[in-house]
């Protein structure tokens, strides 16, 4: 019993990995997220755990406002069925294993702090761009979670004017996410967003499709505005970008250029891509698992 199973629960898929104590990945895979059925998600995770009979613990990365101490998810984010649910208690009861849970982007930040580009930084931010826009904040070498574990939810930032009622379409998550990009492009083209991928739209952008040009420009500009605001709010030494879109080679240069056009004070190398890519959530979940048991003065 020397290995751990880590899960990164995302809005599109759930990644899992068998990790050593030091965070090396021995085996990994993924399966689709059934977003509208939390019970199916839990059963899919339990089924995967059952395939690994000798584990020291289970580490979860989950979206939303997560109480990392109790395992209670106040707001489930992309998984609405997790609202008001204690996933730690449930999983420990079902598996009889030590289980920990932390917010998904906090896990990315923890991974980068442990093994990535943030190892030498005490004040840094992580932003993930994919189904939505998430974030994490490190201040004075400590992860800042906020009063109700909602710190770092950068996607709620209003970036486009003020309207009454739900501000969804004013937020960074709508204007700077792949989901919002797909929805806007599909609506204007008379298509179904479900039939499009982010890659489809970026390819249309590169082919000079007029609507794709407008919507991708809006996407980039929205992220640049968000990064500009976050820099002057926190004054970090590094802002790391992760999530599905971060694999696009042009993303970082494009955002650096746009942030530079907003304010020349921000150093170019302050904005960078995460190092650990799609493995960050799992690695960070394990790091949080270790931290949790170290703080309790016991081994997992």
C-alpha atoms as a PDB file:
ATOM      1  CA  UNK A   1       0.000   0.000   0.000  1.00  0.00           C
ATOM      2  CA  UNK A   2       2.312   2.748  -1.208  1.00  0.00           C
ATOM      3  CA  UNK A   3       0.370   4.489  -3.979  1.00  0.00           C
ATOM      4  CA  UNK A   4      -2.519   6.922  -4.220  1.00  0.00           C
ATOM      5  CA  UNK A   5      -5.380   7.419  -6.646  1.00  0.00           C
ATOM      6  CA  UNK A   6      -6.081  11.019  -7.612  1.00  0.00           C
ATOM      7  CA  UNK A   7      -9.096  12.359  -9.502  1.00  0.00           C
ATOM      8  CA  UNK A   8      -9.477  15.697 -11.256  1.00  0.00           C
ATOM      9  CA  UNK A   9     -13.227  16.236 -11.680  1.00  0.00           C
ATOM     10  CA  UNK A  10     -13.838  18.579 -14.595  1.00  0.00           C
ATOM     11  CA  UNK A  11     -16.904  19.783 -16.426  1.00  0.00           C
ATOM     12  CA  UNK A  12     -16.128  17.694 -19.516  1.00  0.00           C
ATOM     13  CA  UNK A  13     -14.104  14.764 -18.241  1.00  0.00           C
ATOM     14  CA  UNK A  14     -12.740  13.234 -15.063  1.00  0.00           C
ATOM     15  CA  UNK A  15      -9.028  12.517 -15.147  1.00  0.00           C
ATOM     16  CA  UNK A  16      -7.538   9.937 -12.822  1.00  0.00           C
ATOM     17  CA  UNK A  17      -4.031   8.790 -12.028  1.00  0.00           C
ATOM     18  CA  UNK A  18      -2.180   6.286  -9.895  1.00  0.00           C
ATOM     19  CA  UNK A  19       0.575   8.274  -8.186  1.00  0.00           C
ATOM     20  CA  UNK A  20       3.525   7.471  -5.982  1.00  0.00           C
ATOM     21  CA  UNK A  21       4.021   9.311  -2.700  1.00  0.00           C
ATOM     22  CA  UNK A  22       6.423  11.696  -4.429  1.00  0.00           C
ATOM     23  CA  UNK A  23       3.893  12.551  -7.143  1.00  0.00           C
ATOM     24  CA  UNK A  24       5.171  10.433 -10.016  1.00  0.00           C
ATOM     25  CA  UNK A  25       2.328   9.201 -12.229  1.00  0.00           C
ATOM     26  CA  UNK A  26       2.404   5.443 -12.806  1.00  0.00           C
ATOM     27  CA  UNK A  27      -0.846   5.183 -14.737  1.00  0.00           C
ATOM     28  CA  UNK A  28      -3.483   7.635 -15.888  1.00  0.00           C
ATOM     29  CA  UNK A  29      -6.662   7.924 -17.904  1.00  0.00           C
ATOM     30  CA  UNK A  30      -9.950   9.771 -18.194  1.00  0.00           C
ATOM     31  CA  UNK A  31     -13.668   9.194 -18.601  1.00  0.00           C
ATOM     32  CA  UNK A  32     -16.566  11.537 -19.510  1.00  0.00           C
ATOM     33  CA  UNK A  33     -18.277  13.653 -16.863  1.00  0.00           C
ATOM     34  CA  UNK A  34     -22.042  13.149 -16.676  1.00  0.00           C
ATOM     35  CA  UNK A  35     -22.548  16.735 -15.528  1.00  0.00           C
ATOM     36  CA  UNK A  36     -26.273  16.502 -14.870  1.00  0.00           C
ATOM     37  CA  UNK A  37     -26.066  13.427 -12.644  1.00  0.00           C
ATOM     38  CA  UNK A  38     -23.867  13.616  -9.567  1.00  0.00           C
ATOM     39  CA  UNK A  39     -24.757  10.086  -8.505  1.00  0.00           C
ATOM     40  CA  UNK A  40     -23.387   8.674 -11.760  1.00  0.00           C
ATOM     41  CA  UNK A  41     -20.192  10.689 -11.288  1.00  0.00           C
ATOM     42  CA  UNK A  42     -19.709   9.232  -7.810  1.00  0.00           C
ATOM     43  CA  UNK A  43     -20.376   5.688  -8.994  1.00  0.00           C
ATOM     44  CA  UNK A  44     -17.941   6.104 -11.898  1.00  0.00           C
ATOM     45  CA  UNK A  45     -15.240   7.247  -9.465  1.00  0.00           C
ATOM     46  CA  UNK A  46     -15.954   4.377  -7.072  1.00  0.00           C
ATOM     47  CA  UNK A  47     -15.800   1.899  -9.952  1.00  0.00           C
ATOM     48  CA  UNK A  48     -12.352   3.179 -10.866  1.00  0.00           C
ATOM     49  CA  UNK A  49     -11.161   2.983  -7.238  1.00  0.00           C
ATOM     50  CA  UNK A  50     -12.293  -0.647  -7.082  1.00  0.00           C
ATOM     51  CA  UNK A  51      -9.753  -1.505  -9.786  1.00  0.00           C
ATOM     52  CA  UNK A  52      -6.874  -0.562  -7.468  1.00  0.00           C
ATOM     53  CA  UNK A  53      -7.176  -2.720  -4.333  1.00  0.00           C
ATOM     54  CA  UNK A  54      -4.034  -1.567  -2.488  1.00  0.00           C
ATOM     55  CA  UNK A  55      -4.171   2.200  -2.006  1.00  0.00           C
ATOM     56  CA  UNK A  56      -2.989   4.504   0.765  1.00  0.00           C
ATOM     57  CA  UNK A  57      -5.589   7.128  -0.007  1.00  0.00           C
ATOM     58  CA  UNK A  58      -7.739   8.985  -2.518  1.00  0.00           C
ATOM     59  CA  UNK A  59      -7.148  12.632  -3.446  1.00  0.00           C
ATOM     60  CA  UNK A  60      -9.894  14.608  -5.183  1.00  0.00           C
ATOM     61  CA  UNK A  61      -9.803  17.835  -7.145  1.00  0.00           C
ATOM     62  CA  UNK A  62     -13.322  19.252  -7.565  1.00  0.00           C
ATOM     63  CA  UNK A  63     -14.899  22.431  -8.948  1.00  0.00           C
ATOM     64  CA  UNK A  64     -16.692  25.014  -6.843  1.00  0.00           C
ATOM     65  CA  UNK A  65     -16.487  26.354  -3.294  1.00  0.00           C
ATOM     66  CA  UNK A  66     -14.816  23.461  -1.488  1.00  0.00           C
ATOM     67  CA  UNK A  67     -14.147  23.328   2.250  1.00  0.00           C
ATOM     68  CA  UNK A  68     -10.823  21.540   2.060  1.00  0.00           C
ATOM     69  CA  UNK A  69     -10.927  20.641   5.759  1.00  0.00           C
ATOM     70  CA  UNK A  70     -14.379  19.059   6.028  1.00  0.00           C
ATOM     71  CA  UNK A  71     -14.915  18.039   2.403  1.00  0.00           C
ATOM     72  CA  UNK A  72     -18.200  19.957   2.197  1.00  0.00           C
ATOM     73  CA  UNK A  73     -18.910  21.508  -1.210  1.00  0.00           C
ATOM     74  CA  UNK A  74     -20.987  24.639  -0.688  1.00  0.00           C
ATOM     75  CA  UNK A  75     -21.320  25.425  -4.391  1.00  0.00           C
ATOM     76  CA  UNK A  76     -20.547  22.701  -6.917  1.00  0.00           C
ATOM     77  CA  UNK A  77     -19.624  24.932  -9.838  1.00  0.00           C
ATOM     78  CA  UNK A  78     -19.759  22.861 -13.018  1.00  0.00           C
ATOM     79  CA  UNK A  79     -21.332  19.947 -11.098  1.00  0.00           C
ATOM     80  CA  UNK A  80     -24.590  21.372  -9.733  1.00  0.00           C
ATOM     81  CA  UNK A  81     -25.517  18.108  -8.004  1.00  0.00           C
ATOM     82  CA  UNK A  82     -22.533  18.626  -5.694  1.00  0.00           C
ATOM     83  CA  UNK A  83     -24.096  21.767  -4.173  1.00  0.00           C
ATOM     84  CA  UNK A  84     -24.336  21.229  -0.410  1.00  0.00           C
ATOM     85  CA  UNK A  85     -22.708  17.790  -0.575  1.00  0.00           C
ATOM     86  CA  UNK A  86     -19.932  16.378   1.617  1.00  0.00           C
ATOM     87  CA  UNK A  87     -17.957  14.337  -0.880  1.00  0.00           C
ATOM     88  CA  UNK A  88     -15.176  13.481   1.568  1.00  0.00           C
ATOM     89  CA  UNK A  89     -17.510  11.814   4.076  1.00  0.00           C
ATOM     90  CA  UNK A  90     -19.312   9.930   1.324  1.00  0.00           C
ATOM     91  CA  UNK A  91     -16.154   8.626  -0.324  1.00  0.00           C
ATOM     92  CA  UNK A  92     -14.542   7.618   2.970  1.00  0.00           C
ATOM     93  CA  UNK A  93     -17.671   5.720   3.966  1.00  0.00           C
ATOM     94  CA  UNK A  94     -17.787   3.913   0.624  1.00  0.00           C
ATOM     95  CA  UNK A  95     -14.056   3.143   0.270  1.00  0.00           C
ATOM     96  CA  UNK A  96     -12.816   2.942   3.898  1.00  0.00           C
ATOM     97  CA  UNK A  97      -9.777   4.921   2.709  1.00  0.00           C
ATOM     98  CA  UNK A  98      -8.419   8.338   3.708  1.00  0.00           C
ATOM     99  CA  UNK A  99      -9.963  10.859   1.293  1.00  0.00           C
ATOM    100  CA  UNK A 100      -9.209  14.546   0.786  1.00  0.00           C
ATOM    101  CA  UNK A 101     -10.772  17.125  -1.522  1.00  0.00           C
ATOM    102  CA  UNK A 102      -9.648  20.558  -2.691  1.00  0.00           C
ATOM    103  CA  UNK A 103     -10.885  23.071  -5.261  1.00  0.00           C
ATOM    104  CA  UNK A 104      -9.708  22.222  -8.769  1.00  0.00           C
ATOM    105  CA  UNK A 105      -7.729  25.368  -9.525  1.00  0.00           C
ATOM    106  CA  UNK A 106      -6.266  25.423  -6.025  1.00  0.00           C
ATOM    107  CA  UNK A 107      -4.932  21.983  -6.924  1.00  0.00           C
ATOM    108  CA  UNK A 108      -3.325  23.378 -10.070  1.00  0.00           C
ATOM    109  CA  UNK A 109      -1.618  26.080  -7.995  1.00  0.00           C
ATOM    110  CA  UNK A 110      -0.464  23.546  -5.413  1.00  0.00           C
ATOM    111  CA  UNK A 111       0.973  21.352  -8.165  1.00  0.00           C
ATOM    112  CA  UNK A 112       2.861  24.260  -9.708  1.00  0.00           C
ATOM    113  CA  UNK A 113       4.159  25.199  -6.259  1.00  0.00           C
ATOM    114  CA  UNK A 114       5.299  21.619  -5.595  1.00  0.00           C
ATOM    115  CA  UNK A 115       6.729  20.626  -8.962  1.00  0.00           C
ATOM    116  CA  UNK A 116       6.181  23.392 -11.502  1.00  0.00           C
ATOM    117  CA  UNK A 117       6.952  26.993 -12.360  1.00  0.00           C
ATOM    118  CA  UNK A 118       5.854  28.427  -9.009  1.00  0.00           C
ATOM    119  CA  UNK A 119       8.464  26.637  -6.894  1.00  0.00           C
ATOM    120  CA  UNK A 120      10.442  29.847  -6.427  1.00  0.00           C
ATOM    121  CA  UNK A 121       7.446  32.179  -6.074  1.00  0.00           C
ATOM    122  CA  UNK A 122       5.689  33.159  -2.844  1.00  0.00           C
ATOM    123  CA  UNK A 123       3.082  35.457  -4.406  1.00  0.00           C
ATOM    124  CA  UNK A 124       1.511  34.115  -7.573  1.00  0.00           C
ATOM    125  CA  UNK A 125      -1.813  33.426  -9.256  1.00  0.00           C
ATOM    126  CA  UNK A 126      -3.119  30.562 -11.361  1.00  0.00           C
ATOM    127  CA  UNK A 127      -5.903  30.957 -13.890  1.00  0.00           C
ATOM    128  CA  UNK A 128      -7.484  28.059 -15.762  1.00  0.00           C
ATOM    129  CA  UNK A 129      -9.429  28.556 -18.975  1.00  0.00           C
ATOM    130  CA  UNK A 130     -11.733  25.852 -20.279  1.00  0.00           C
ATOM    131  CA  UNK A 131     -15.375  25.092 -19.494  1.00  0.00           C
ATOM    132  CA  UNK A 132     -15.240  28.241 -17.356  1.00  0.00           C
ATOM    133  CA  UNK A 133     -12.545  30.469 -15.883  1.00  0.00           C
ATOM    134  CA  UNK A 134     -11.153  29.547 -12.477  1.00  0.00           C
ATOM    135  CA  UNK A 135      -8.364  30.829 -10.322  1.00  0.00           C
ATOM    136  CA  UNK A 136      -6.165  30.370  -7.284  1.00  0.00           C
ATOM    137  CA  UNK A 137      -4.224  32.826  -5.129  1.00  0.00           C
ATOM    138  CA  UNK A 138      -0.947  32.324  -3.269  1.00  0.00           C
ATOM    139  CA  UNK A 139      -0.063  35.119  -0.818  1.00  0.00           C
ATOM    140  CA  UNK A 140       3.156  35.031   1.211  1.00  0.00           C
ATOM    141  CA  UNK A 141       3.707  31.379   0.297  1.00  0.00           C
ATOM    142  CA  UNK A 142       0.253  30.279   1.459  1.00  0.00           C
ATOM    143  CA  UNK A 143      -2.820  29.353  -0.541  1.00  0.00           C
ATOM    144  CA  UNK A 144      -5.547  31.891   0.199  1.00  0.00           C
ATOM    145  CA  UNK A 145      -9.035  30.342   0.264  1.00  0.00           C
ATOM    146  CA  UNK A 146     -11.232  33.139   1.612  1.00  0.00           C
ATOM    147  CA  UNK A 147     -13.947  33.172   4.285  1.00  0.00           C
ATOM    148  CA  UNK A 148     -16.271  30.778   2.434  1.00  0.00           C
ATOM    149  CA  UNK A 149     -13.636  29.006   0.301  1.00  0.00           C
ATOM    150  CA  UNK A 150     -14.514  31.104  -2.747  1.00  0.00           C
ATOM    151  CA  UNK A 151     -11.273  33.062  -3.166  1.00  0.00           C
ATOM    152  CA  UNK A 152      -9.816  32.840  -6.645  1.00  0.00           C
ATOM    153  CA  UNK A 153     -13.108  32.451  -8.498  1.00  0.00           C
ATOM    154  CA  UNK A 154     -11.854  34.846 -11.156  1.00  0.00           C
ATOM    155  CA  UNK A 155     -14.606  33.821 -13.557  1.00  0.00           C
ATOM    156  CA  UNK A 156     -17.164  35.815 -11.561  1.00  0.00           C
ATOM    157  CA  UNK A 157     -15.279  39.031 -12.326  1.00  0.00           C
ATOM    158  CA  UNK A 158     -17.439  41.445 -14.331  1.00  0.00           C
ATOM    159  CA  UNK A 159     -15.498  42.466 -17.421  1.00  0.00           C
ATOM    160  CA  UNK A 160     -18.197  43.882 -19.715  1.00  0.00           C
ATOM    161  CA  UNK A 161     -20.394  46.643 -18.313  1.00  0.00           C
ATOM    162  CA  UNK A 162     -23.132  46.442 -15.717  1.00  0.00           C
ATOM    163  CA  UNK A 163     -26.572  44.933 -16.219  1.00  0.00           C
ATOM    164  CA  UNK A 164     -29.318  44.203 -13.726  1.00  0.00           C
ATOM    165  CA  UNK A 165     -30.172  40.628 -12.845  1.00  0.00           C
ATOM    166  CA  UNK A 166     -27.860  37.638 -13.307  1.00  0.00           C
ATOM    167  CA  UNK A 167     -24.566  38.956 -14.649  1.00  0.00           C
ATOM    168  CA  UNK A 168     -23.503  35.765 -16.438  1.00  0.00           C
ATOM    169  CA  UNK A 169     -22.909  37.414 -19.799  1.00  0.00           C
ATOM    170  CA  UNK A 170     -20.912  40.229 -18.203  1.00  0.00           C
ATOM    171  CA  UNK A 171     -18.438  37.906 -16.547  1.00  0.00           C
ATOM    172  CA  UNK A 172     -14.995  36.653 -17.425  1.00  0.00           C
ATOM    173  CA  UNK A 173     -16.319  33.088 -17.402  1.00  0.00           C
ATOM    174  CA  UNK A 174     -18.700  33.947 -20.238  1.00  0.00           C
ATOM    175  CA  UNK A 175     -16.431  36.192 -22.256  1.00  0.00           C
ATOM    176  CA  UNK A 176     -13.101  34.445 -21.637  1.00  0.00           C
ATOM    177  CA  UNK A 177     -14.013  30.755 -21.567  1.00  0.00           C
ATOM    178  CA  UNK A 178     -14.205  28.142 -24.301  1.00  0.00           C
ATOM    179  CA  UNK A 179     -17.834  27.483 -23.343  1.00  0.00           C
ATOM    180  CA  UNK A 180     -18.765  31.122 -23.870  1.00  0.00           C
ATOM    181  CA  UNK A 181     -16.790  31.257 -27.108  1.00  0.00           C
ATOM    182  CA  UNK A 182     -18.624  28.207 -28.460  1.00  0.00           C
ATOM    183  CA  UNK A 183     -22.044  29.508 -27.398  1.00  0.00           C
ATOM    184  CA  UNK A 184     -21.542  32.951 -28.920  1.00  0.00           C
ATOM    185  CA  UNK A 185     -20.090  31.669 -32.174  1.00  0.00           C
ATOM    186  CA  UNK A 186     -22.768  28.999 -32.569  1.00  0.00           C
ATOM    187  CA  UNK A 187     -25.572  31.483 -31.907  1.00  0.00           C
ATOM    188  CA  UNK A 188     -24.305  33.895 -34.538  1.00  0.00           C
ATOM    189  CA  UNK A 189     -23.722  31.128 -37.098  1.00  0.00           C
ATOM    190  CA  UNK A 190     -27.064  29.384 -36.515  1.00  0.00           C
ATOM    191  CA  UNK A 191     -25.316  26.253 -35.237  1.00  0.00           C
ATOM    192  CA  UNK A 192     -25.521  24.075 -32.133  1.00  0.00           C
ATOM    193  CA  UNK A 193     -22.742  24.747 -29.640  1.00  0.00           C
ATOM    194  CA  UNK A 194     -22.670  21.041 -28.785  1.00  0.00           C
ATOM    195  CA  UNK A 195     -21.527  20.346 -32.348  1.00  0.00           C
ATOM    196  CA  UNK A 196     -18.511  22.656 -32.048  1.00  0.00           C
ATOM    197  CA  UNK A 197     -15.181  22.472 -30.282  1.00  0.00           C
ATOM    198  CA  UNK A 198     -12.893  25.307 -29.354  1.00  0.00           C
ATOM    199  CA  UNK A 199     -10.471  23.987 -31.970  1.00  0.00           C
ATOM    200  CA  UNK A 200     -13.144  24.367 -34.666  1.00  0.00           C
ATOM    201  CA  UNK A 201     -13.512  28.051 -33.845  1.00  0.00           C
ATOM    202  CA  UNK A 202      -9.782  28.741 -33.676  1.00  0.00           C
ATOM    203  CA  UNK A 203      -9.399  27.060 -37.072  1.00  0.00           C
ATOM    204  CA  UNK A 204     -12.165  29.301 -38.421  1.00  0.00           C
ATOM    205  CA  UNK A 205     -10.328  32.253 -36.868  1.00  0.00           C
ATOM    206  CA  UNK A 206      -7.118  31.299 -38.650  1.00  0.00           C
ATOM    207  CA  UNK A 207      -9.131  30.973 -41.883  1.00  0.00           C
ATOM    208  CA  UNK A 208     -10.334  34.584 -41.414  1.00  0.00           C
ATOM    209  CA  UNK A 209     -13.985  33.710 -40.786  1.00  0.00           C
ATOM    210  CA  UNK A 210     -15.424  37.175 -39.892  1.00  0.00           C
ATOM    211  CA  UNK A 211     -17.549  35.956 -36.970  1.00  0.00           C
ATOM    212  CA  UNK A 212     -14.731  33.795 -35.619  1.00  0.00           C
ATOM    213  CA  UNK A 213     -12.402  36.803 -35.862  1.00  0.00           C
ATOM    214  CA  UNK A 214     -14.768  38.920 -33.772  1.00  0.00           C
ATOM    215  CA  UNK A 215     -15.473  36.269 -31.154  1.00  0.00           C
ATOM    216  CA  UNK A 216     -11.878  35.097 -30.694  1.00  0.00           C
ATOM    217  CA  UNK A 217     -10.788  38.737 -30.402  1.00  0.00           C
ATOM    218  CA  UNK A 218     -13.416  39.175 -27.685  1.00  0.00           C
ATOM    219  CA  UNK A 219     -12.118  36.023 -25.987  1.00  0.00           C
ATOM    220  CA  UNK A 220      -8.503  37.240 -25.978  1.00  0.00           C
ATOM    221  CA  UNK A 221      -9.405  40.791 -24.965  1.00  0.00           C
ATOM    222  CA  UNK A 222     -11.557  39.565 -22.076  1.00  0.00           C
ATOM    223  CA  UNK A 223      -8.738  37.431 -20.700  1.00  0.00           C
ATOM    224  CA  UNK A 224      -6.298  40.319 -21.090  1.00  0.00           C
ATOM    225  CA  UNK A 225      -8.636  42.630 -19.144  1.00  0.00           C
ATOM    226  CA  UNK A 226      -8.970  39.997 -16.429  1.00  0.00           C
ATOM    227  CA  UNK A 227      -5.200  39.521 -16.187  1.00  0.00           C
ATOM    228  CA  UNK A 228      -4.626  43.279 -16.069  1.00  0.00           C
ATOM    229  CA  UNK A 229      -7.128  43.686 -13.222  1.00  0.00           C
ATOM    230  CA  UNK A 230      -5.750  40.735 -11.276  1.00  0.00           C
ATOM    231  CA  UNK A 231      -2.186  41.978 -11.566  1.00  0.00           C
ATOM    232  CA  UNK A 232      -3.012  45.330 -10.004  1.00  0.00           C
ATOM    233  CA  UNK A 233      -5.210  43.730  -7.362  1.00  0.00           C
ATOM    234  CA  UNK A 234      -2.588  41.225  -6.139  1.00  0.00           C
ATOM    235  CA  UNK A 235       0.741  42.430  -7.615  1.00  0.00           C
ATOM    236  CA  UNK A 236       2.033  38.856  -8.074  1.00  0.00           C
ATOM    237  CA  UNK A 237       5.444  37.863  -9.370  1.00  0.00           C
ATOM    238  CA  UNK A 238       3.843  35.299 -11.675  1.00  0.00           C
ATOM    239  CA  UNK A 239       0.439  34.564 -13.237  1.00  0.00           C
ATOM    240  CA  UNK A 240       0.253  31.030 -14.612  1.00  0.00           C
ATOM    241  CA  UNK A 241      -2.329  30.013 -17.219  1.00  0.00           C
ATOM    242  CA  UNK A 242      -3.666  26.467 -17.371  1.00  0.00           C
ATOM    243  CA  UNK A 243      -6.655  24.557 -18.675  1.00  0.00           C
ATOM    244  CA  UNK A 244      -7.423  23.093 -22.075  1.00  0.00           C
ATOM    245  CA  UNK A 245      -6.748  26.278 -24.030  1.00  0.00           C
ATOM    246  CA  UNK A 246      -3.269  26.727 -22.532  1.00  0.00           C
ATOM    247  CA  UNK A 247      -1.853  24.122 -24.934  1.00  0.00           C
ATOM    248  CA  UNK A 248      -2.278  26.623 -27.783  1.00  0.00           C
ATOM    249  CA  UNK A 249       1.220  27.962 -28.452  1.00  0.00           C
ATOM    250  CA  UNK A 250      -0.041  31.407 -29.427  1.00  0.00           C
ATOM    251  CA  UNK A 251      -2.071  31.943 -26.236  1.00  0.00           C
ATOM    252  CA  UNK A 252       0.658  33.334 -23.979  1.00  0.00           C
ATOM    253  CA  UNK A 253       2.292  35.643 -26.585  1.00  0.00           C
ATOM    254  CA  UNK A 254      -1.164  36.895 -27.584  1.00  0.00           C
ATOM    255  CA  UNK A 255      -2.167  37.654 -24.006  1.00  0.00           C
ATOM    256  CA  UNK A 256       1.187  39.251 -23.197  1.00  0.00           C
ATOM    257  CA  UNK A 257       0.797  41.551 -26.198  1.00  0.00           C
ATOM    258  CA  UNK A 258      -2.730  42.566 -25.236  1.00  0.00           C
ATOM    259  CA  UNK A 259      -1.897  43.124 -21.578  1.00  0.00           C
ATOM    260  CA  UNK A 260       1.103  45.211 -22.683  1.00  0.00           C
ATOM    261  CA  UNK A 261      -1.242  47.361 -24.782  1.00  0.00           C
ATOM    262  CA  UNK A 262      -3.414  47.977 -21.697  1.00  0.00           C
ATOM    263  CA  UNK A 263      -0.522  48.860 -19.405  1.00  0.00           C
ATOM    264  CA  UNK A 264       3.189  48.743 -20.112  1.00  0.00           C
ATOM    265  CA  UNK A 265       4.060  48.370 -16.432  1.00  0.00           C
ATOM    266  CA  UNK A 266       3.421  44.616 -16.282  1.00  0.00           C
ATOM    267  CA  UNK A 267       6.561  42.640 -17.112  1.00  0.00           C
ATOM    268  CA  UNK A 268       6.147  40.275 -20.039  1.00  0.00           C
ATOM    269  CA  UNK A 269       7.444  37.197 -18.225  1.00  0.00           C
ATOM    270  CA  UNK A 270       4.946  37.681 -15.388  1.00  0.00           C
ATOM    271  CA  UNK A 271       2.351  35.907 -17.548  1.00  0.00           C
ATOM    272  CA  UNK A 272       3.285  32.330 -18.370  1.00  0.00           C
ATOM    273  CA  UNK A 273       1.818  28.893 -19.034  1.00  0.00           C
ATOM    274  CA  UNK A 274       1.538  26.250 -16.343  1.00  0.00           C
ATOM    275  CA  UNK A 275       4.205  23.566 -16.566  1.00  0.00           C
ATOM    276  CA  UNK A 276       2.241  20.477 -15.547  1.00  0.00           C
ATOM    277  CA  UNK A 277      -0.652  20.862 -18.002  1.00  0.00           C
ATOM    278  CA  UNK A 278      -3.396  18.228 -17.714  1.00  0.00           C
ATOM    279  CA  UNK A 279      -1.684  16.406 -14.848  1.00  0.00           C
ATOM    280  CA  UNK A 280      -1.674  19.428 -12.535  1.00  0.00           C
ATOM    281  CA  UNK A 281      -5.057  18.767 -10.923  1.00  0.00           C
ATOM    282  CA  UNK A 282      -4.114  15.242  -9.913  1.00  0.00           C
ATOM    283  CA  UNK A 283      -0.632  16.163  -8.694  1.00  0.00           C
ATOM    284  CA  UNK A 284      -1.973  19.108  -6.708  1.00  0.00           C
ATOM    285  CA  UNK A 285      -4.723  16.970  -5.175  1.00  0.00           C
ATOM    286  CA  UNK A 286      -2.049  14.573  -3.912  1.00  0.00           C
ATOM    287  CA  UNK A 287       0.054  17.447  -2.554  1.00  0.00           C
ATOM    288  CA  UNK A 288      -2.991  18.717  -0.674  1.00  0.00           C
ATOM    289  CA  UNK A 289      -3.565  15.169   0.631  1.00  0.00           C
ATOM    290  CA  UNK A 290      -0.034  15.101   2.034  1.00  0.00           C
ATOM    291  CA  UNK A 291      -0.391  18.588   3.541  1.00  0.00           C
ATOM    292  CA  UNK A 292      -3.668  17.656   5.216  1.00  0.00           C
ATOM    293  CA  UNK A 293      -2.218  14.683   7.050  1.00  0.00           C
ATOM    294  CA  UNK A 294       1.037  16.480   7.879  1.00  0.00           C
ATOM    295  CA  UNK A 295      -0.949  19.278   9.542  1.00  0.00           C
ATOM    296  CA  UNK A 296      -2.860  16.692  11.552  1.00  0.00           C
ATOM    297  CA  UNK A 297       0.428  15.209  12.733  1.00  0.00           C
ATOM    298  CA  UNK A 298      -0.236  11.808  11.226  1.00  0.00           C
ATOM    299  CA  UNK A 299       0.526   9.864   8.108  1.00  0.00           C
ATOM    300  CA  UNK A 300      -2.125   8.921   5.620  1.00  0.00           C
END
